[in-house]
Amino acid sequence: MSLTADVKDELARLKVDKLSARKAEVAATLRFAGGLHIIAGRPVVEAEVDAGITARRLRQAIHEVYGHTSEVIVVSGGGLRRGNRYVVRVVAGGEQLARQTGLLDNRGRPVRGLPPHVVNSTIADAVAAWRGAFLAHGSLTEPGRSSALEVTCPGPEAALALVGAARRLGIQAKAREVRGIDRVVIRDGDAISAMLTRMGAHDAVMAWEERRMRREVRGTANRLANFDDANLRRSAQAAVAAGARVERAFEILGEEMPDHLRQAGRLRLEHKQASLEELGQLSDPQLTKDAVAGRIRRLLAMADKRAGELGIPDTESNLTQDMLDM
């Protein structure tokens, strides 16, 4: 199953004993998955969810907490929607349930956000509201640069209420509108883990953290490999360029150079792609890479000075773009 399906399956099996938390979860599920409709002149409460186990949990809670019976209608997937959808419908007592769950206020007006008894209640109820909203319309993407825990909302008021509930839990969530659809999004990896843990998806958060860690380790390894490759390319380019300059230095100076500089220059010519450290190890006696670099630097400086006196091209005249692009 996908991460989203794993989380919803675990949350739908979670046992909650506190009555106010169960009420908050039912209210949020109904608010984010459907709401109040008028069918044949009668108020009907409906909630459409994407998992059969979620529908069974909602139906059981409506019966045990509020005493209403409901039916489940299976809608086959088609077009852009894959998989079945499950509609939990309460016809008899629909208006009463709407008032009990806060879909309607005391004057019978629709509530656009979450009901006050959920917004102003305990931390446990805020957690339950998030659990209900996620079961209704939540999703969790794979860890990575674009990872997110997201809930699609029925309107901006519901989105702001959900952001406020997350703030009460010490978790930062943001409301945003994308192509006319309101969403609440949590992007920070630690915040996602915290919310999953709060909602009760303990197995899912362990799986998510494992994938997150594996991705971070792979990303670090790739960055290090790219860094090493870049360093190797730069070192090889510098060695080839230095070899070309040394070759020109020999042409300019001929026999007019000290033996120790000549030795360093020959090492560079004979091993054009070797590093300075490797040249030092090839020297007899062995030299440090700083000693090799210093001798080659003095050789080139001597040749450039001599070229200036003679009015001829210096050591850099041997360099070509092909050498630097190797």
Protein backbone atom coordinates (compact mmCIF):
# COMPACT_ATOMS: atom_id res chain seq x y z
CA MET A 1 0.00 0.00 0.00
CA SER A 2 0.97 3.64 -0.37
CA LEU A 3 2.08 5.68 2.63
CA THR A 4 -1.30 7.42 2.71
CA ALA A 5 -3.17 4.12 2.71
CA ASP A 6 -0.88 2.76 5.44
CA VAL A 7 -1.54 5.77 7.67
CA LYS A 8 -5.29 5.67 7.15
CA ASP A 9 -5.46 1.94 7.74
CA GLU A 10 -3.60 2.31 11.04
CA LEU A 11 -5.64 5.32 12.18
CA ALA A 12 -8.92 3.60 11.32
CA ARG A 13 -7.96 0.71 13.63
CA LEU A 14 -6.93 2.97 16.53
CA LYS A 15 -9.05 2.55 19.65
CA VAL A 16 -10.16 5.83 21.26
CA ASP A 17 -11.97 5.69 24.60
CA LYS A 18 -12.43 9.38 25.44
CA LEU A 19 -15.93 10.45 24.42
CA SER A 20 -15.07 14.07 23.57
CA ALA A 21 -12.22 12.88 21.31
CA ARG A 22 -14.55 10.51 19.49
CA LYS A 23 -17.01 13.36 18.97
CA ALA A 24 -14.27 15.63 17.67
CA GLU A 25 -13.09 12.95 15.22
CA VAL A 26 -16.62 12.32 13.90
CA ALA A 27 -17.27 16.06 13.55
CA ALA A 28 -14.01 16.58 11.60
CA THR A 29 -14.58 13.53 9.40
CA LEU A 30 -18.07 14.68 8.47
CA ARG A 31 -16.91 18.27 7.90
CA PHE A 32 -13.96 17.34 5.67
CA ALA A 33 -15.52 14.36 3.86
CA GLY A 34 -18.97 15.69 3.09
CA GLY A 35 -21.50 17.52 5.20
CA LEU A 36 -25.21 18.27 5.17
CA HIS A 37 -27.28 17.81 2.02
CA ILE A 38 -30.96 18.09 1.17
CA ILE A 39 -32.26 14.97 -0.58
CA ALA A 40 -35.96 14.78 -1.48
CA GLY A 41 -36.61 17.67 0.88
CA ARG A 42 -34.99 15.94 3.84
CA PRO A 43 -31.70 16.90 5.55
CA VAL A 44 -29.17 14.12 5.03
CA VAL A 45 -25.65 13.84 6.44
CA GLU A 46 -23.13 12.29 4.06
CA ALA A 47 -19.40 11.59 4.17
CA GLU A 48 -17.44 10.18 1.23
CA VAL A 49 -14.15 8.45 2.07
CA ASP A 50 -11.63 6.39 0.11
CA ALA A 51 -11.28 3.35 2.38
CA GLY A 52 -13.84 0.81 3.53
CA ILE A 53 -12.26 0.59 6.97
CA THR A 54 -12.65 4.36 7.42
CA ALA A 55 -16.33 4.12 6.46
CA ARG A 56 -16.87 1.31 8.99
CA ARG A 57 -15.13 3.33 11.73
CA LEU A 58 -17.28 6.39 11.05
CA ARG A 59 -20.48 4.36 10.88
CA GLN A 60 -19.70 2.63 14.18
CA ALA A 61 -18.86 5.93 15.91
CA ILE A 62 -22.07 7.59 14.68
CA HIS A 63 -24.07 4.69 16.13
CA GLU A 64 -22.20 4.31 19.43
CA VAL A 65 -21.72 8.02 20.21
CA TYR A 66 -24.90 9.57 18.79
CA GLY A 67 -27.28 6.61 18.45
CA HIS A 68 -28.00 7.07 14.74
CA THR A 69 -28.03 4.34 12.13
CA SER A 70 -26.39 4.86 8.77
CA GLU A 71 -25.87 3.10 5.49
CA VAL A 72 -22.72 2.66 3.40
CA ILE A 73 -22.91 3.05 -0.36
CA VAL A 74 -20.01 1.81 -2.49
CA VAL A 75 -19.27 4.00 -5.51
CA SER A 76 -17.13 2.32 -8.17
CA GLY A 77 -14.13 4.21 -9.45
CA GLY A 78 -14.09 5.61 -12.95
CA GLY A 79 -12.42 8.28 -15.04
CA LEU A 80 -9.75 10.06 -13.02
CA ARG A 81 -10.78 8.32 -9.80
CA ARG A 82 -9.21 4.95 -9.23
CA GLY A 83 -10.59 2.53 -6.70
CA ASN A 84 -13.91 2.48 -4.93
CA ARG A 85 -15.31 5.31 -2.81
CA TYR A 86 -17.49 4.75 0.24
CA VAL A 87 -20.36 7.05 1.19
CA VAL A 88 -21.65 6.93 4.76
CA ARG A 89 -25.20 8.34 4.73
CA VAL A 90 -27.50 9.20 7.64
CA VAL A 91 -31.07 9.84 6.48
CA ALA A 92 -33.23 9.26 9.54
CA GLY A 93 -32.12 11.81 12.12
CA GLY A 94 -29.79 13.55 9.68
CA GLU A 95 -30.67 17.05 10.88
CA GLN A 96 -30.32 16.03 14.53
CA LEU A 97 -26.87 14.52 13.85
CA ALA A 98 -25.86 17.68 12.00
CA ARG A 99 -26.70 19.74 15.08
CA GLN A 100 -25.01 17.25 17.43
CA THR A 101 -21.76 17.24 15.44
CA GLY A 102 -21.69 20.99 14.83
CA LEU A 103 -22.45 20.95 11.11
CA LEU A 104 -25.35 23.24 12.06
CA ASP A 105 -25.31 25.86 14.81
CA ASN A 106 -28.07 26.45 17.39
CA ARG A 107 -30.02 28.53 14.87
CA GLY A 108 -29.81 25.88 12.17
CA ARG A 109 -27.19 27.71 10.11
CA PRO A 110 -24.33 25.76 8.49
CA VAL A 111 -20.97 26.00 10.28
CA ARG A 112 -18.20 26.70 7.76
CA GLY A 113 -15.22 25.80 9.91
CA LEU A 114 -14.91 23.28 12.72
CA PRO A 115 -17.57 23.54 15.45
CA PRO A 116 -16.67 25.59 18.57
CA HIS A 117 -16.75 22.55 20.86
CA VAL A 118 -13.83 21.14 18.82
CA VAL A 119 -11.88 24.36 18.26
CA ASN A 120 -11.96 25.38 21.94
CA SER A 121 -11.60 21.96 23.51
CA THR A 122 -8.67 19.90 24.84
CA ILE A 123 -5.41 18.87 23.19
CA ALA A 124 -6.80 15.34 22.81
CA ASP A 125 -9.75 16.74 20.88
CA ALA A 126 -7.43 18.78 18.62
CA VAL A 127 -5.53 15.56 17.85
CA ALA A 128 -8.82 13.77 17.16
CA ALA A 129 -9.90 16.56 14.81
CA TRP A 130 -6.70 16.15 12.82
CA ARG A 131 -7.16 12.39 12.77
CA GLY A 132 -10.71 12.76 11.45
CA ALA A 133 -9.65 15.33 8.83
CA PHE A 134 -6.81 13.11 7.62
CA LEU A 135 -9.06 10.05 7.41
CA ALA A 136 -11.50 12.14 5.38
CA HIS A 137 -9.19 13.89 2.93
CA GLY A 138 -5.54 13.52 3.96
CA SER A 139 -2.45 12.39 2.08
CA LEU A 140 1.21 11.73 2.86
CA THR A 141 3.91 11.82 0.18
CA GLU A 142 7.27 10.08 0.15
CA PRO A 143 10.11 11.73 2.12
CA GLY A 144 12.19 14.08 0.00
CA ARG A 145 12.39 17.61 -1.27
CA SER A 146 8.62 17.79 -1.90
CA SER A 147 7.41 15.63 1.00
CA ALA A 148 4.22 16.81 2.66
CA LEU A 149 1.40 15.80 4.94
CA GLU A 150 -1.66 17.45 3.39
CA VAL A 151 -5.38 17.73 4.05
CA THR A 152 -7.84 18.99 1.41
CA CYS A 153 -10.38 21.29 3.07
CA PRO A 154 -14.00 22.17 2.22
CA GLY A 155 -13.26 25.90 2.57
CA PRO A 156 -10.88 28.49 4.01
CA GLU A 157 -12.63 28.55 7.39
CA ALA A 158 -12.09 24.82 7.88
CA ALA A 159 -8.46 25.19 6.74
CA LEU A 160 -7.77 27.96 9.28
CA ALA A 161 -9.44 25.92 12.03
CA LEU A 162 -7.19 22.97 11.22
CA VAL A 163 -4.10 25.21 11.22
CA GLY A 164 -5.16 26.49 14.65
CA ALA A 165 -5.55 22.93 15.95
CA ALA A 166 -2.04 22.10 14.74
CA ARG A 167 -0.69 25.23 16.44
CA ARG A 168 -2.21 24.05 19.73
CA LEU A 169 -0.20 20.84 19.29
CA GLY A 170 3.02 22.82 18.74
CA ILE A 171 3.15 21.87 15.05
CA GLN A 172 3.43 24.40 12.23
CA ALA A 173 0.96 23.94 9.39
CA LYS A 174 0.09 26.34 6.59
CA ALA A 175 -3.19 26.97 4.79
CA ARG A 176 -3.00 27.65 1.06
CA GLU A 177 -5.29 27.72 -1.93
CA VAL A 178 -4.29 25.86 -5.09
CA ARG A 179 -6.51 26.19 -8.17
CA GLY A 180 -9.51 27.11 -6.04
CA ILE A 181 -9.01 24.26 -3.55
CA ASP A 182 -8.11 25.00 0.07
CA ARG A 183 -5.44 22.82 1.63
CA VAL A 184 -3.52 22.58 4.89
CA VAL A 185 0.07 21.44 4.46
CA ILE A 186 2.86 20.35 6.79
CA ARG A 187 6.23 20.18 5.00
CA ASP A 188 8.90 20.00 7.68
CA GLY A 189 10.02 16.38 8.16
CA ASP A 190 10.15 16.58 11.96
CA ALA A 191 6.71 18.23 12.05
CA ILE A 192 5.27 15.48 9.84
CA SER A 193 6.66 12.83 12.19
CA ALA A 194 5.27 14.70 15.19
CA MET A 195 1.77 14.92 13.67
CA LEU A 196 1.72 11.26 12.64
CA THR A 197 2.77 10.30 16.17
CA ARG A 198 0.15 12.57 17.73
CA MET A 199 -2.62 11.11 15.56
CA GLY A 200 -1.60 7.57 16.58
CA ALA A 201 0.05 6.28 13.38
CA HIS A 202 3.08 4.87 15.20
CA ASP A 203 3.89 2.08 12.73
CA ALA A 204 3.48 4.40 9.78
CA VAL A 205 5.76 7.05 11.27
CA MET A 206 8.49 4.46 11.79
CA ALA A 207 8.21 3.41 8.13
CA TRP A 208 8.20 7.07 7.01
CA GLU A 209 11.26 7.89 9.13
CA GLU A 210 13.09 4.85 7.78
CA ARG A 211 12.47 5.96 4.19
CA ARG A 212 13.41 9.52 5.14
CA MET A 213 16.70 8.41 6.68
CA ARG A 214 17.49 6.13 3.73
CA ARG A 215 16.88 9.00 1.30
CA GLU A 216 19.03 11.41 3.32
CA VAL A 217 21.90 8.90 3.49
CA ARG A 218 21.64 8.28 -0.27
CA GLY A 219 21.55 12.02 -0.94
CA THR A 220 24.61 12.61 1.23
CA ALA A 221 26.50 9.80 -0.51
CA ASN A 222 25.61 11.25 -3.93
CA ARG A 223 26.73 14.72 -2.90
CA LEU A 224 30.04 13.36 -1.61
CA ALA A 225 30.56 11.33 -4.78
CA ASN A 226 29.84 14.38 -6.94
CA PHE A 227 32.19 16.44 -4.79
CA ASP A 228 34.97 13.86 -5.15
CA ASP A 229 34.40 13.65 -8.92
CA ALA A 230 34.59 17.42 -9.24
CA ASN A 231 37.81 17.52 -7.22
CA LEU A 232 39.34 14.78 -9.34
CA ARG A 233 38.40 16.59 -12.54
CA ARG A 234 39.88 19.84 -11.28
CA SER A 235 43.07 18.06 -10.17
CA ALA A 236 43.43 16.33 -13.55
CA GLN A 237 42.86 19.60 -15.43
CA ALA A 238 45.44 21.40 -13.29
CA ALA A 239 47.98 18.61 -13.84
CA VAL A 240 47.53 18.63 -17.63
CA ALA A 241 47.80 22.42 -17.74
CA ALA A 242 50.93 22.35 -15.56
CA GLY A 243 52.49 19.70 -17.84
CA ALA A 244 51.92 21.90 -20.90
CA ARG A 245 53.49 24.88 -19.16
CA VAL A 246 56.49 22.82 -18.01
CA GLU A 247 57.00 21.58 -21.56
CA ARG A 248 57.15 25.19 -22.76
CA ALA A 249 59.51 26.06 -19.89
CA PHE A 250 61.97 23.41 -21.08
CA GLU A 251 61.82 24.92 -24.57
CA ILE A 252 62.52 28.42 -23.22
CA LEU A 253 65.28 27.57 -20.73
CA GLY A 254 66.98 24.64 -22.44
CA GLU A 255 69.95 23.77 -20.22
CA GLU A 256 69.68 26.98 -18.19
CA MET A 257 67.90 25.55 -15.14
CA PRO A 258 68.99 24.05 -11.79
CA ASP A 259 69.00 20.26 -11.58
CA HIS A 260 66.40 20.09 -8.77
CA LEU A 261 63.94 22.15 -10.87
CA ARG A 262 64.70 20.04 -13.92
CA GLN A 263 63.96 16.86 -11.93
CA ALA A 264 60.57 18.21 -10.78
CA GLY A 265 59.76 19.32 -14.33
CA ARG A 266 60.61 15.89 -15.80
CA LEU A 267 58.36 14.19 -13.23
CA ARG A 268 55.53 16.47 -14.32
CA LEU A 269 56.12 15.71 -18.01
CA GLU A 270 56.40 11.97 -17.51
CA HIS A 271 53.27 11.74 -15.33
CA LYS A 272 50.97 14.41 -16.72
CA GLN A 273 47.81 13.42 -14.82
CA ALA A 274 49.42 12.45 -11.52
CA SER A 275 48.72 14.53 -8.42
CA LEU A 276 51.47 16.52 -6.70
CA GLU A 277 51.44 14.01 -3.86
CA GLU A 278 51.96 11.15 -6.32
CA LEU A 279 54.82 13.06 -8.00
CA GLY A 280 56.47 13.48 -4.62
CA GLN A 281 56.29 9.74 -4.04
CA LEU A 282 57.83 9.07 -7.46
CA SER A 283 60.74 11.39 -6.76
CA ASP A 284 64.13 10.04 -5.65
CA PRO A 285 64.51 10.96 -2.86
CA GLN A 286 60.81 11.34 -2.09
CA LEU A 287 59.42 14.86 -1.67
CA THR A 288 56.34 16.35 -0.09
CA LYS A 289 53.65 17.66 -2.43
CA ASP A 290 54.44 21.21 -1.23
CA ALA A 291 58.09 20.75 -2.20
CA VAL A 292 57.12 19.49 -5.67
CA ALA A 293 54.65 22.35 -6.14
CA GLY A 294 57.25 24.88 -5.05
CA ARG A 295 59.88 23.59 -7.50
CA ILE A 296 57.47 23.55 -10.44
CA ARG A 297 56.28 27.04 -9.52
CA ARG A 298 59.86 28.36 -9.46
CA LEU A 299 60.62 26.62 -12.79
CA LEU A 300 57.66 28.29 -14.48
CA ALA A 301 58.46 31.68 -12.96
CA MET A 302 62.07 31.42 -14.19
CA ALA A 303 60.90 30.46 -17.71
CA ASP A 304 58.32 33.28 -17.84
CA LYS A 305 60.93 35.81 -16.75
CA ARG A 306 63.36 34.55 -19.40
CA ALA A 307 60.59 34.65 -22.07
CA GLY A 308 59.91 38.27 -21.16
CA GLU A 309 63.57 39.15 -21.58
CA LEU A 310 63.69 37.45 -24.98
CA GLY A 311 60.33 38.80 -26.13
CA ILE A 312 58.91 35.36 -26.88
CA PRO A 313 55.64 33.63 -25.76
CA ASP A 314 55.69 32.53 -22.11
CA THR A 315 54.68 29.17 -20.60
CA GLU A 316 50.93 29.89 -20.75
CA SER A 317 51.08 30.07 -24.54
CA ASN A 318 51.01 26.26 -24.59
CA LEU A 319 47.60 26.06 -22.90
CA THR A 320 44.52 25.23 -24.98
CA GLN A 321 40.83 25.05 -24.09
CA ASP A 322 40.84 21.34 -24.87
CA MET A 323 43.37 20.78 -22.09
CA LEU A 324 41.21 22.62 -19.58
CA ASP A 325 38.02 20.79 -20.64
CA MET A 326 39.42 17.31 -20.20
